[in-house]
Amino acid sequence: MKTATNTHYTKNFQKILVLLAFTLSTVAFTQRSAAQTYKIAPGSEIKVAGTSNIHDWTMQTNTIAGDAQVTLTGKDLTDVKALTFNIAVKNLKGKEDLLNSRAHKAMKADKFPAIAFKLNSATVSGDIVKGTGALTIAGVTKDITVQGKASENADGSISLSGTRKIKMSEYGIQPPSFMLGALKVADEINVIYTLKLKK
């Protein structure tokens, strides 16, 4: 037969269990929502696409170093607090050796061996990330705006993908030419990127 005292203790114990469960779920949610450090992982790619008066061309690299501070709420990316990455200029390569050597020379790769980006600020709306940051090419740094799409991969990593048009002349780069100027590379290029972020 239950006594009033036993009933009182049982109710108190149930309240404690409910409070404990709520506390644990809150802690887990807070930990999931806190900014976490991710590294740029294999599977990332930066491609530079351009054109000339004769044909289109591309150069790309899969060797990218950097990291990010991002916030997830559940499985959704809700904030990007920091993002930096850099690539070696001479790792950017296309199918033509002559194009590679001329492009590397134009970007002053021996003097400025790396292209670097550092995010200043970002906003996240749904799966769209908009940000501003400093892009350094050939020793010249310019503030640019970028926009990308975020997606979660099956392995728990996050991919940020987007494109950004820039002009080489803005960074003091003279677009390469070939065959005594018969082939002239256009000033504007399109940077296409996929950054895979993983813990």
N, C-alpha and C. Protein backbone atom coordinates (compact mmCIF):
# COMPACT_ATOMS: atom_id res chain seq x y z
N MET A 1 0.84 -1.19 0.00
CA MET A 1 0.00 0.00 0.00
C MET A 1 0.88 1.25 0.00
N LYS A 2 0.62 2.17 -1.00
CA LYS A 2 1.41 3.38 -1.07
C LYS A 2 1.03 4.35 0.03
N THR A 3 2.02 4.93 0.62
CA THR A 3 1.78 5.96 1.63
C THR A 3 1.90 7.32 0.98
N ALA A 4 1.46 8.36 1.70
CA ALA A 4 1.57 9.73 1.18
C ALA A 4 3.02 10.12 1.00
N THR A 5 3.88 9.61 1.91
CA THR A 5 5.31 9.93 1.81
C THR A 5 5.93 9.32 0.56
N ASN A 6 5.60 8.03 0.28
CA ASN A 6 6.12 7.36 -0.90
C ASN A 6 5.65 8.06 -2.18
N THR A 7 4.38 8.45 -2.20
CA THR A 7 3.85 9.17 -3.37
C THR A 7 4.57 10.48 -3.58
N HIS A 8 4.84 11.18 -2.47
CA HIS A 8 5.55 12.46 -2.54
C HIS A 8 6.95 12.27 -3.11
N TYR A 9 7.69 11.24 -2.64
CA TYR A 9 9.05 10.98 -3.13
C TYR A 9 9.03 10.55 -4.60
N THR A 10 8.00 9.74 -4.96
CA THR A 10 7.89 9.29 -6.35
C THR A 10 7.68 10.48 -7.29
N LYS A 11 6.82 11.41 -6.92
CA LYS A 11 6.57 12.58 -7.74
C LYS A 11 7.82 13.46 -7.84
N ASN A 12 8.51 13.60 -6.71
CA ASN A 12 9.74 14.40 -6.73
C ASN A 12 10.80 13.76 -7.62
N PHE A 13 10.90 12.43 -7.56
CA PHE A 13 11.88 11.71 -8.38
C PHE A 13 11.56 11.88 -9.87
N GLN A 14 10.28 11.81 -10.21
CA GLN A 14 9.86 12.01 -11.59
C GLN A 14 10.20 13.41 -12.08
N LYS A 15 10.01 14.39 -11.21
CA LYS A 15 10.34 15.77 -11.56
C LYS A 15 11.84 15.92 -11.81
N ILE A 16 12.63 15.24 -10.97
CA ILE A 16 14.09 15.30 -11.12
C ILE A 16 14.51 14.68 -12.45
N LEU A 17 13.89 13.53 -12.80
CA LEU A 17 14.21 12.88 -14.07
C LEU A 17 13.87 13.77 -15.26
N VAL A 18 12.70 14.41 -15.19
CA VAL A 18 12.29 15.31 -16.28
C VAL A 18 13.25 16.49 -16.39
N LEU A 19 13.64 17.05 -15.24
CA LEU A 19 14.57 18.18 -15.22
C LEU A 19 15.93 17.77 -15.77
N LEU A 20 16.38 16.56 -15.39
CA LEU A 20 17.67 16.06 -15.87
C LEU A 20 17.65 15.85 -17.38
N ALA A 21 16.57 15.26 -17.88
CA ALA A 21 16.45 15.03 -19.32
C ALA A 21 16.44 16.34 -20.08
N PHE A 22 15.72 17.32 -19.53
CA PHE A 22 15.67 18.65 -20.18
C PHE A 22 17.04 19.30 -20.20
N THR A 23 17.76 19.18 -19.07
CA THR A 23 19.10 19.78 -18.97
C THR A 23 20.05 19.14 -19.97
N LEU A 24 20.02 17.82 -20.07
CA LEU A 24 20.90 17.11 -21.01
C LEU A 24 20.59 17.47 -22.45
N SER A 25 19.31 17.57 -22.79
CA SER A 25 18.94 17.92 -24.16
C SER A 25 19.34 19.35 -24.48
N THR A 26 19.23 20.23 -23.48
CA THR A 26 19.63 21.63 -23.68
C THR A 26 21.12 21.74 -23.90
N VAL A 27 21.90 20.98 -23.10
CA VAL A 27 23.35 20.98 -23.26
C VAL A 27 23.75 20.46 -24.63
N ALA A 28 23.11 19.37 -25.05
CA ALA A 28 23.42 18.79 -26.36
C ALA A 28 23.09 19.76 -27.48
N PHE A 29 21.95 20.45 -27.35
CA PHE A 29 21.57 21.42 -28.38
C PHE A 29 22.54 22.59 -28.41
N THR A 30 22.94 23.06 -27.22
CA THR A 30 23.88 24.18 -27.14
C THR A 30 25.21 23.81 -27.75
N GLN A 31 25.68 22.58 -27.45
CA GLN A 31 26.95 22.14 -28.02
C GLN A 31 26.86 22.05 -29.54
N ARG A 32 25.73 21.58 -30.04
CA ARG A 32 25.55 21.45 -31.48
C ARG A 32 25.46 22.83 -32.13
N SER A 33 24.92 23.83 -31.37
CA SER A 33 24.73 25.15 -31.92
C SER A 33 25.95 26.04 -31.77
N ALA A 34 26.92 25.65 -30.96
CA ALA A 34 28.10 26.47 -30.74
C ALA A 34 29.00 26.41 -31.97
N ALA A 35 29.78 27.48 -32.16
CA ALA A 35 30.71 27.52 -33.29
C ALA A 35 31.74 26.42 -33.13
N GLN A 36 32.02 25.72 -34.21
CA GLN A 36 32.97 24.63 -34.21
C GLN A 36 33.98 24.83 -35.33
N THR A 37 35.19 24.30 -35.12
CA THR A 37 36.24 24.45 -36.11
C THR A 37 36.21 23.30 -37.11
N TYR A 38 36.21 23.65 -38.37
CA TYR A 38 36.27 22.68 -39.46
C TYR A 38 37.50 22.98 -40.32
N LYS A 39 38.10 21.95 -40.84
CA LYS A 39 39.23 22.09 -41.74
C LYS A 39 38.76 21.91 -43.19
N ILE A 40 39.45 22.55 -44.11
CA ILE A 40 39.17 22.31 -45.52
C ILE A 40 39.75 20.95 -45.88
N ALA A 41 38.90 20.07 -46.36
CA ALA A 41 39.25 18.66 -46.52
C ALA A 41 39.39 18.27 -47.99
N PRO A 42 39.99 17.09 -48.24
CA PRO A 42 40.02 16.55 -49.61
C PRO A 42 38.61 16.48 -50.18
N GLY A 43 38.50 16.75 -51.46
CA GLY A 43 37.19 16.88 -52.09
C GLY A 43 36.88 18.33 -52.42
N SER A 44 37.72 19.24 -51.89
CA SER A 44 37.59 20.66 -52.22
C SER A 44 38.23 20.92 -53.58
N GLU A 45 37.76 21.97 -54.24
CA GLU A 45 38.31 22.31 -55.56
C GLU A 45 38.11 23.78 -55.85
N ILE A 46 39.11 24.39 -56.44
CA ILE A 46 38.99 25.75 -56.98
C ILE A 46 39.37 25.70 -58.44
N LYS A 47 38.48 26.22 -59.28
CA LYS A 47 38.71 26.22 -60.73
C LYS A 47 38.64 27.66 -61.23
N VAL A 48 39.55 28.00 -62.10
CA VAL A 48 39.55 29.31 -62.74
C VAL A 48 39.23 29.10 -64.20
N ALA A 49 38.16 29.72 -64.67
CA ALA A 49 37.73 29.57 -66.06
C ALA A 49 37.80 30.91 -66.77
N GLY A 50 38.38 30.90 -67.94
CA GLY A 50 38.50 32.14 -68.71
C GLY A 50 38.32 31.87 -70.19
N THR A 51 38.50 32.92 -70.97
CA THR A 51 38.37 32.78 -72.41
C THR A 51 39.45 33.61 -73.10
N SER A 52 39.58 33.45 -74.37
CA SER A 52 40.51 34.23 -75.19
C SER A 52 39.86 34.49 -76.52
N ASN A 53 40.56 35.15 -77.42
CA ASN A 53 39.99 35.41 -78.74
C ASN A 53 39.98 34.16 -79.62
N ILE A 54 40.53 33.03 -79.08
CA ILE A 54 40.56 31.78 -79.86
C ILE A 54 39.76 30.66 -79.18
N HIS A 55 39.98 30.46 -77.88
CA HIS A 55 39.28 29.36 -77.20
C HIS A 55 39.17 29.62 -75.71
N ASP A 56 38.27 28.87 -75.06
CA ASP A 56 38.13 28.94 -73.61
C ASP A 56 39.24 28.13 -72.95
N TRP A 57 39.48 28.38 -71.67
CA TRP A 57 40.51 27.64 -70.94
C TRP A 57 40.12 27.53 -69.47
N THR A 58 40.67 26.55 -68.80
CA THR A 58 40.44 26.38 -67.36
C THR A 58 41.75 25.95 -66.68
N MET A 59 41.87 26.34 -65.43
CA MET A 59 42.94 25.86 -64.54
C MET A 59 42.28 25.50 -63.22
N GLN A 60 42.82 24.51 -62.52
CA GLN A 60 42.20 24.12 -61.27
C GLN A 60 43.21 23.52 -60.31
N THR A 61 42.79 23.47 -59.05
CA THR A 61 43.58 22.81 -58.02
C THR A 61 42.66 22.17 -57.00
N ASN A 62 43.10 21.04 -56.46
CA ASN A 62 42.39 20.36 -55.37
C ASN A 62 43.17 20.45 -54.06
N THR A 63 44.29 21.16 -54.10
CA THR A 63 45.12 21.31 -52.91
C THR A 63 44.86 22.67 -52.29
N ILE A 64 44.06 22.67 -51.22
CA ILE A 64 43.63 23.90 -50.58
C ILE A 64 43.82 23.75 -49.08
N ALA A 65 44.47 24.73 -48.46
CA ALA A 65 44.69 24.70 -47.01
C ALA A 65 43.85 25.78 -46.36
N GLY A 66 43.26 25.46 -45.20
CA GLY A 66 42.48 26.48 -44.49
C GLY A 66 41.53 25.87 -43.50
N ASP A 67 40.80 26.73 -42.81
CA ASP A 67 39.81 26.26 -41.84
C ASP A 67 38.69 27.28 -41.70
N ALA A 68 37.67 26.90 -40.94
CA ALA A 68 36.50 27.76 -40.76
C ALA A 68 35.93 27.56 -39.36
N GLN A 69 35.27 28.59 -38.86
CA GLN A 69 34.49 28.50 -37.64
C GLN A 69 33.02 28.63 -38.04
N VAL A 70 32.26 27.54 -37.91
CA VAL A 70 30.87 27.55 -38.34
C VAL A 70 29.96 27.07 -37.21
N THR A 71 28.71 27.50 -37.30
CA THR A 71 27.70 27.12 -36.31
C THR A 71 26.62 26.29 -36.99
N LEU A 72 26.33 25.14 -36.40
CA LEU A 72 25.24 24.30 -36.88
C LEU A 72 24.12 24.29 -35.85
N THR A 73 22.89 24.40 -36.32
CA THR A 73 21.73 24.21 -35.45
C THR A 73 21.00 22.99 -36.00
N GLY A 74 21.10 21.89 -35.27
CA GLY A 74 20.65 20.63 -35.83
C GLY A 74 21.60 20.26 -36.96
N LYS A 75 21.07 20.08 -38.15
CA LYS A 75 21.90 19.78 -39.31
C LYS A 75 22.08 21.00 -40.22
N ASP A 76 21.52 22.13 -39.80
CA ASP A 76 21.54 23.32 -40.65
C ASP A 76 22.69 24.25 -40.28
N LEU A 77 23.39 24.73 -41.30
CA LEU A 77 24.41 25.75 -41.10
C LEU A 77 23.71 27.08 -40.85
N THR A 78 23.99 27.70 -39.70
CA THR A 78 23.31 28.94 -39.34
C THR A 78 24.25 30.13 -39.20
N ASP A 79 25.56 29.91 -39.19
CA ASP A 79 26.49 31.03 -39.08
C ASP A 79 27.88 30.60 -39.53
N VAL A 80 28.58 31.51 -40.16
CA VAL A 80 29.99 31.32 -40.50
C VAL A 80 30.75 32.47 -39.86
N LYS A 81 31.48 32.17 -38.79
CA LYS A 81 32.18 33.21 -38.04
C LYS A 81 33.55 33.53 -38.62
N ALA A 82 34.16 32.55 -39.26
CA ALA A 82 35.50 32.75 -39.83
C ALA A 82 35.73 31.75 -40.95
N LEU A 83 36.53 32.16 -41.91
CA LEU A 83 36.92 31.26 -43.01
C LEU A 83 38.19 31.81 -43.64
N THR A 84 39.21 31.00 -43.67
CA THR A 84 40.45 31.38 -44.36
C THR A 84 40.92 30.20 -45.20
N PHE A 85 41.49 30.51 -46.35
CA PHE A 85 42.12 29.45 -47.14
C PHE A 85 43.18 30.05 -48.03
N ASN A 86 44.10 29.21 -48.47
CA ASN A 86 45.09 29.65 -49.43
C ASN A 86 45.47 28.49 -50.34
N ILE A 87 45.91 28.85 -51.54
CA ILE A 87 46.36 27.85 -52.50
C ILE A 87 47.70 28.31 -53.08
N ALA A 88 48.52 27.37 -53.46
CA ALA A 88 49.78 27.70 -54.13
C ALA A 88 49.48 28.01 -55.58
N VAL A 89 49.98 29.15 -56.05
CA VAL A 89 49.73 29.57 -57.43
C VAL A 89 50.13 28.47 -58.41
N LYS A 90 51.28 27.85 -58.18
CA LYS A 90 51.79 26.86 -59.13
C LYS A 90 51.03 25.53 -59.07
N ASN A 91 50.12 25.40 -58.10
CA ASN A 91 49.23 24.23 -58.08
C ASN A 91 48.02 24.42 -58.99
N LEU A 92 47.78 25.66 -59.41
CA LEU A 92 46.72 25.93 -60.38
C LEU A 92 47.23 25.52 -61.76
N LYS A 93 46.61 24.52 -62.35
CA LYS A 93 47.10 24.01 -63.62
C LYS A 93 45.96 23.67 -64.57
N GLY A 94 46.24 23.87 -65.87
CA GLY A 94 45.33 23.47 -66.92
C GLY A 94 45.96 22.39 -67.77
N LYS A 95 45.38 22.16 -68.94
CA LYS A 95 45.88 21.08 -69.80
C LYS A 95 47.11 21.49 -70.61
N GLU A 96 47.34 22.78 -70.76
CA GLU A 96 48.42 23.25 -71.61
C GLU A 96 49.58 23.78 -70.76
N ASP A 97 50.75 23.22 -70.93
CA ASP A 97 51.92 23.64 -70.16
C ASP A 97 52.27 25.10 -70.41
N LEU A 98 52.11 25.54 -71.65
CA LEU A 98 52.44 26.93 -71.98
C LEU A 98 51.51 27.89 -71.25
N LEU A 99 50.23 27.55 -71.20
CA LEU A 99 49.27 28.37 -70.46
C LEU A 99 49.65 28.42 -68.99
N ASN A 100 50.01 27.28 -68.43
CA ASN A 100 50.39 27.23 -67.02
C ASN A 100 51.57 28.16 -66.73
N SER A 101 52.61 28.04 -67.52
CA SER A 101 53.81 28.83 -67.26
C SER A 101 53.55 30.32 -67.44
N ARG A 102 52.81 30.68 -68.48
CA ARG A 102 52.50 32.10 -68.70
C ARG A 102 51.60 32.65 -67.60
N ALA A 103 50.61 31.85 -67.17
CA ALA A 103 49.70 32.30 -66.11
C ALA A 103 50.44 32.46 -64.79
N HIS A 104 51.31 31.51 -64.47
CA HIS A 104 52.08 31.59 -63.22
C HIS A 104 53.00 32.80 -63.23
N LYS A 105 53.59 33.07 -64.39
CA LYS A 105 54.46 34.24 -64.51
C LYS A 105 53.66 35.52 -64.35
N ALA A 106 52.47 35.58 -64.98
CA ALA A 106 51.61 36.76 -64.88
C ALA A 106 51.18 37.03 -63.45
N MET A 107 50.97 35.95 -62.68
CA MET A 107 50.56 36.10 -61.27
C MET A 107 51.76 36.25 -60.33
N LYS A 108 52.96 36.38 -60.90
CA LYS A 108 54.19 36.63 -60.13
C LYS A 108 54.38 35.55 -59.06
N ALA A 109 54.22 34.29 -59.49
CA ALA A 109 54.23 33.17 -58.55
C ALA A 109 55.54 33.04 -57.78
N ASP A 110 56.67 33.39 -58.40
CA ASP A 110 57.94 33.27 -57.69
C ASP A 110 58.05 34.26 -56.55
N LYS A 111 57.48 35.44 -56.72
CA LYS A 111 57.53 36.47 -55.68
C LYS A 111 56.37 36.34 -54.70
N PHE A 112 55.19 36.00 -55.21
CA PHE A 112 53.99 35.86 -54.38
C PHE A 112 53.40 34.47 -54.63
N PRO A 113 53.90 33.46 -53.93
CA PRO A 113 53.57 32.07 -54.26
C PRO A 113 52.16 31.61 -53.89
N ALA A 114 51.42 32.41 -53.11
CA ALA A 114 50.11 31.95 -52.64
C ALA A 114 49.00 32.94 -52.98
N ILE A 115 47.83 32.40 -53.22
CA ILE A 115 46.58 33.16 -53.31
C ILE A 115 45.83 32.90 -52.01
N ALA A 116 45.37 33.95 -51.34
CA ALA A 116 44.77 33.78 -50.01
C ALA A 116 43.44 34.52 -49.91
N PHE A 117 42.55 33.97 -49.10
CA PHE A 117 41.27 34.61 -48.81
C PHE A 117 41.01 34.56 -47.32
N LYS A 118 40.51 35.69 -46.77
CA LYS A 118 40.13 35.74 -45.36
C LYS A 118 38.78 36.41 -45.23
N LEU A 119 37.82 35.69 -44.68
CA LEU A 119 36.46 36.21 -44.52
C LEU A 119 36.43 37.29 -43.44
N ASN A 120 35.73 38.38 -43.74
CA ASN A 120 35.52 39.44 -42.75
C ASN A 120 34.21 39.26 -42.01
N SER A 121 33.14 38.99 -42.74
CA SER A 121 31.83 38.79 -42.13
C SER A 121 30.95 38.00 -43.08
N ALA A 122 29.91 37.38 -42.52
CA ALA A 122 29.01 36.57 -43.35
C ALA A 122 27.62 36.53 -42.73
N THR A 123 26.63 36.34 -43.59
CA THR A 123 25.26 36.10 -43.15
C THR A 123 24.76 34.83 -43.82
N VAL A 124 23.89 34.11 -43.10
CA VAL A 124 23.35 32.86 -43.63
C VAL A 124 21.83 32.98 -43.68
N SER A 125 21.26 32.69 -44.83
CA SER A 125 19.81 32.70 -45.01
C SER A 125 19.42 31.41 -45.72
N GLY A 126 18.82 30.49 -44.98
CA GLY A 126 18.53 29.18 -45.55
C GLY A 126 19.84 28.48 -45.85
N ASP A 127 20.02 28.08 -47.12
CA ASP A 127 21.28 27.43 -47.48
C ASP A 127 22.22 28.36 -48.24
N ILE A 128 21.92 29.66 -48.24
CA ILE A 128 22.73 30.65 -48.95
C ILE A 128 23.61 31.41 -47.94
N VAL A 129 24.90 31.42 -48.24
CA VAL A 129 25.86 32.15 -47.41
C VAL A 129 26.39 33.34 -48.21
N LYS A 130 26.25 34.54 -47.67
CA LYS A 130 26.78 35.75 -48.29
C LYS A 130 27.84 36.33 -47.37
N GLY A 131 28.95 36.74 -47.96
CA GLY A 131 30.02 37.26 -47.12
C GLY A 131 30.88 38.28 -47.83
N THR A 132 31.70 38.95 -47.04
CA THR A 132 32.72 39.84 -47.57
C THR A 132 34.06 39.39 -47.00
N GLY A 133 35.09 39.57 -47.79
CA GLY A 133 36.40 39.14 -47.33
C GLY A 133 37.51 39.74 -48.16
N ALA A 134 38.73 39.49 -47.75
CA ALA A 134 39.91 40.02 -48.44
C ALA A 134 40.55 38.93 -49.27
N LEU A 135 40.66 39.18 -50.57
CA LEU A 135 41.29 38.25 -51.49
C LEU A 135 42.64 38.83 -51.93
N THR A 136 43.69 38.04 -51.76
CA THR A 136 45.04 38.48 -52.12
C THR A 136 45.57 37.65 -53.27
N ILE A 137 45.92 38.33 -54.37
CA ILE A 137 46.51 37.69 -55.54
C ILE A 137 47.68 38.54 -56.00
N ALA A 138 48.81 37.91 -56.27
CA ALA A 138 49.99 38.61 -56.78
C ALA A 138 50.40 39.76 -55.88
N GLY A 139 50.19 39.59 -54.57
CA GLY A 139 50.60 40.61 -53.62
C GLY A 139 49.63 41.76 -53.46
N VAL A 140 48.51 41.73 -54.18
CA VAL A 140 47.50 42.80 -54.10
C VAL A 140 46.27 42.26 -53.37
N THR A 141 45.80 43.00 -52.37
CA THR A 141 44.64 42.58 -51.58
C THR A 141 43.45 43.50 -51.88
N LYS A 142 42.31 42.88 -52.18
CA LYS A 142 41.08 43.61 -52.44
C LYS A 142 39.94 42.99 -51.63
N ASP A 143 39.05 43.86 -51.12
CA ASP A 143 37.84 43.36 -50.47
C ASP A 143 36.82 42.99 -51.53
N ILE A 144 36.24 41.80 -51.39
CA ILE A 144 35.25 41.34 -52.35
C ILE A 144 34.04 40.77 -51.62
N THR A 145 32.93 40.69 -52.33
CA THR A 145 31.75 40.00 -51.81
C THR A 145 31.66 38.64 -52.47
N VAL A 146 31.19 37.67 -51.72
CA VAL A 146 31.04 36.31 -52.24
C VAL A 146 29.69 35.75 -51.81
N GLN A 147 29.21 34.81 -52.59
CA GLN A 147 27.96 34.13 -52.25
C GLN A 147 28.08 32.66 -52.62
N GLY A 148 27.65 31.80 -51.71
CA GLY A 148 27.73 30.36 -51.97
C GLY A 148 26.54 29.62 -51.38
N LYS A 149 26.45 28.38 -51.76
CA LYS A 149 25.38 27.51 -51.26
C LYS A 149 25.97 26.46 -50.34
N ALA A 150 25.37 26.28 -49.18
CA ALA A 150 25.84 25.31 -48.19
C ALA A 150 25.01 24.04 -48.27
N SER A 151 25.67 22.90 -48.13
CA SER A 151 24.97 21.62 -48.10
C SER A 151 25.72 20.66 -47.19
N GLU A 152 24.97 19.79 -46.53
CA GLU A 152 25.59 18.79 -45.65
C GLU A 152 25.79 17.50 -46.43
N ASN A 153 26.96 16.91 -46.31
CA ASN A 153 27.27 15.65 -46.98
C ASN A 153 26.97 14.46 -46.08
N ALA A 154 26.94 13.28 -46.67
CA ALA A 154 26.61 12.07 -45.93
C ALA A 154 27.59 11.78 -44.80
N ASP A 155 28.85 12.23 -44.96
CA ASP A 155 29.86 11.97 -43.93
C ASP A 155 29.87 13.02 -42.82
N GLY A 156 28.88 13.93 -42.84
CA GLY A 156 28.81 14.96 -41.81
C GLY A 156 29.58 16.22 -42.14
N SER A 157 30.31 16.22 -43.25
CA SER A 157 31.03 17.41 -43.67
C SER A 157 30.05 18.40 -44.31
N ILE A 158 30.53 19.63 -44.50
CA ILE A 158 29.72 20.68 -45.10
C ILE A 158 30.42 21.17 -46.36
N SER A 159 29.67 21.34 -47.42
CA SER A 159 30.23 21.89 -48.65
C SER A 159 29.70 23.30 -48.88
N LEU A 160 30.59 24.20 -49.23
CA LEU A 160 30.23 25.55 -49.65
C LEU A 160 30.64 25.69 -51.11
N SER A 161 29.69 25.98 -51.97
CA SER A 161 29.96 26.05 -53.41
C SER A 161 29.43 27.35 -53.98
N GLY A 162 30.20 27.94 -54.90
CA GLY A 162 29.76 29.17 -55.52
C GLY A 162 30.70 29.60 -56.63
N THR A 163 30.43 30.74 -57.22
CA THR A 163 31.26 31.32 -58.26
C THR A 163 31.44 32.81 -57.99
N ARG A 164 32.54 33.35 -58.53
CA ARG A 164 32.79 34.80 -58.39
C ARG A 164 33.62 35.27 -59.58
N LYS A 165 33.12 36.26 -60.31
CA LYS A 165 33.87 36.83 -61.42
C LYS A 165 34.81 37.92 -60.89
N ILE A 166 36.04 37.92 -61.39
CA ILE A 166 36.99 38.98 -61.05
C ILE A 166 37.76 39.35 -62.32
N LYS A 167 38.39 40.50 -62.28
CA LYS A 167 39.25 40.93 -63.38
C LYS A 167 40.70 40.86 -62.93
N MET A 168 41.53 40.24 -63.75
CA MET A 168 42.94 40.10 -63.42
C MET A 168 43.61 41.46 -63.25
N SER A 169 43.20 42.42 -64.06
CA SER A 169 43.83 43.75 -64.00
C SER A 169 43.62 44.43 -62.65
N GLU A 170 42.55 44.06 -61.93
CA GLU A 170 42.30 44.64 -60.61
C GLU A 170 43.39 44.26 -59.61
N TYR A 171 44.10 43.18 -59.92
CA TYR A 171 45.17 42.70 -59.04
C TYR A 171 46.55 42.92 -59.68
N GLY A 172 46.59 43.83 -60.62
CA GLY A 172 47.87 44.17 -61.25
C GLY A 172 48.42 43.09 -62.15
N ILE A 173 47.54 42.20 -62.63
CA ILE A 173 47.96 41.09 -63.49
C ILE A 173 47.67 41.43 -64.94
N GLN A 174 48.67 41.35 -65.76
CA GLN A 174 48.49 41.55 -67.20
C GLN A 174 48.05 40.23 -67.82
N PRO A 175 46.83 40.16 -68.38
CA PRO A 175 46.37 38.90 -68.98
C PRO A 175 47.39 38.36 -69.98
N PRO A 176 47.74 37.09 -69.88
CA PRO A 176 48.76 36.52 -70.76
C PRO A 176 48.37 36.58 -72.24
N SER A 177 49.38 36.63 -73.10
CA SER A 177 49.15 36.55 -74.54
C SER A 177 50.16 35.56 -75.12
N PHE A 178 49.84 35.02 -76.27
CA PHE A 178 50.66 33.99 -76.90
C PHE A 178 50.86 34.31 -78.38
N MET A 179 51.81 33.66 -78.96
CA MET A 179 52.06 33.75 -80.40
C MET A 179 52.15 35.21 -80.85
N LEU A 180 53.02 35.95 -80.14
CA LEU A 180 53.25 37.37 -80.45
C LEU A 180 51.96 38.19 -80.44
N GLY A 181 51.06 37.81 -79.52
CA GLY A 181 49.81 38.56 -79.37
C GLY A 181 48.68 38.07 -80.21
N ALA A 182 48.90 37.01 -81.01
CA ALA A 182 47.81 36.48 -81.84
C ALA A 182 46.71 35.87 -80.97
N LEU A 183 47.10 35.32 -79.82
CA LEU A 183 46.12 34.79 -78.87
C LEU A 183 46.15 35.68 -77.62
N LYS A 184 45.02 36.28 -77.32
CA LYS A 184 44.94 37.19 -76.18
C LYS A 184 43.89 36.68 -75.18
N VAL A 185 44.32 36.56 -73.94
CA VAL A 185 43.43 36.09 -72.88
C VAL A 185 42.59 37.26 -72.37
N ALA A 186 41.28 37.03 -72.20
CA ALA A 186 40.38 38.07 -71.69
C ALA A 186 40.69 38.38 -70.23
N ASP A 187 40.43 39.63 -69.86
CA ASP A 187 40.75 40.10 -68.51
C ASP A 187 39.89 39.44 -67.44
N GLU A 188 38.60 39.24 -67.74
CA GLU A 188 37.68 38.71 -66.74
C GLU A 188 37.76 37.18 -66.66
N ILE A 189 37.83 36.68 -65.44
CA ILE A 189 37.83 35.24 -65.21
C ILE A 189 36.73 34.88 -64.23
N ASN A 190 36.35 33.62 -64.23
CA ASN A 190 35.31 33.14 -63.32
C ASN A 190 35.94 32.13 -62.36
N VAL A 191 35.88 32.42 -61.07
CA VAL A 191 36.41 31.52 -60.05
C VAL A 191 35.27 30.65 -59.53
N ILE A 192 35.39 29.36 -59.71
CA ILE A 192 34.36 28.40 -59.30
C ILE A 192 34.93 27.55 -58.17
N TYR A 193 34.26 27.54 -57.03
CA TYR A 193 34.85 26.87 -55.87
C TYR A 193 33.86 25.93 -55.18
N THR A 194 34.43 24.87 -54.64
CA THR A 194 33.72 24.00 -53.71
C THR A 194 34.67 23.73 -52.56
N LEU A 195 34.30 24.20 -51.38
CA LEU A 195 35.10 23.98 -50.19
C LEU A 195 34.40 22.95 -49.31
N LYS A 196 35.06 21.85 -49.06
CA LYS A 196 34.50 20.80 -48.21
C LYS A 196 35.07 20.98 -46.80
N LEU A 197 34.20 21.27 -45.85
CA LEU A 197 34.62 21.53 -44.47
C LEU A 197 34.33 20.31 -43.60
N LYS A 198 35.36 19.85 -42.90
CA LYS A 198 35.21 18.63 -42.09
C LYS A 198 35.95 18.80 -40.78
N LYS A 199 35.41 18.21 -39.72
CA LYS A 199 36.05 18.30 -38.40
C LYS A 199 37.33 17.50 -38.40
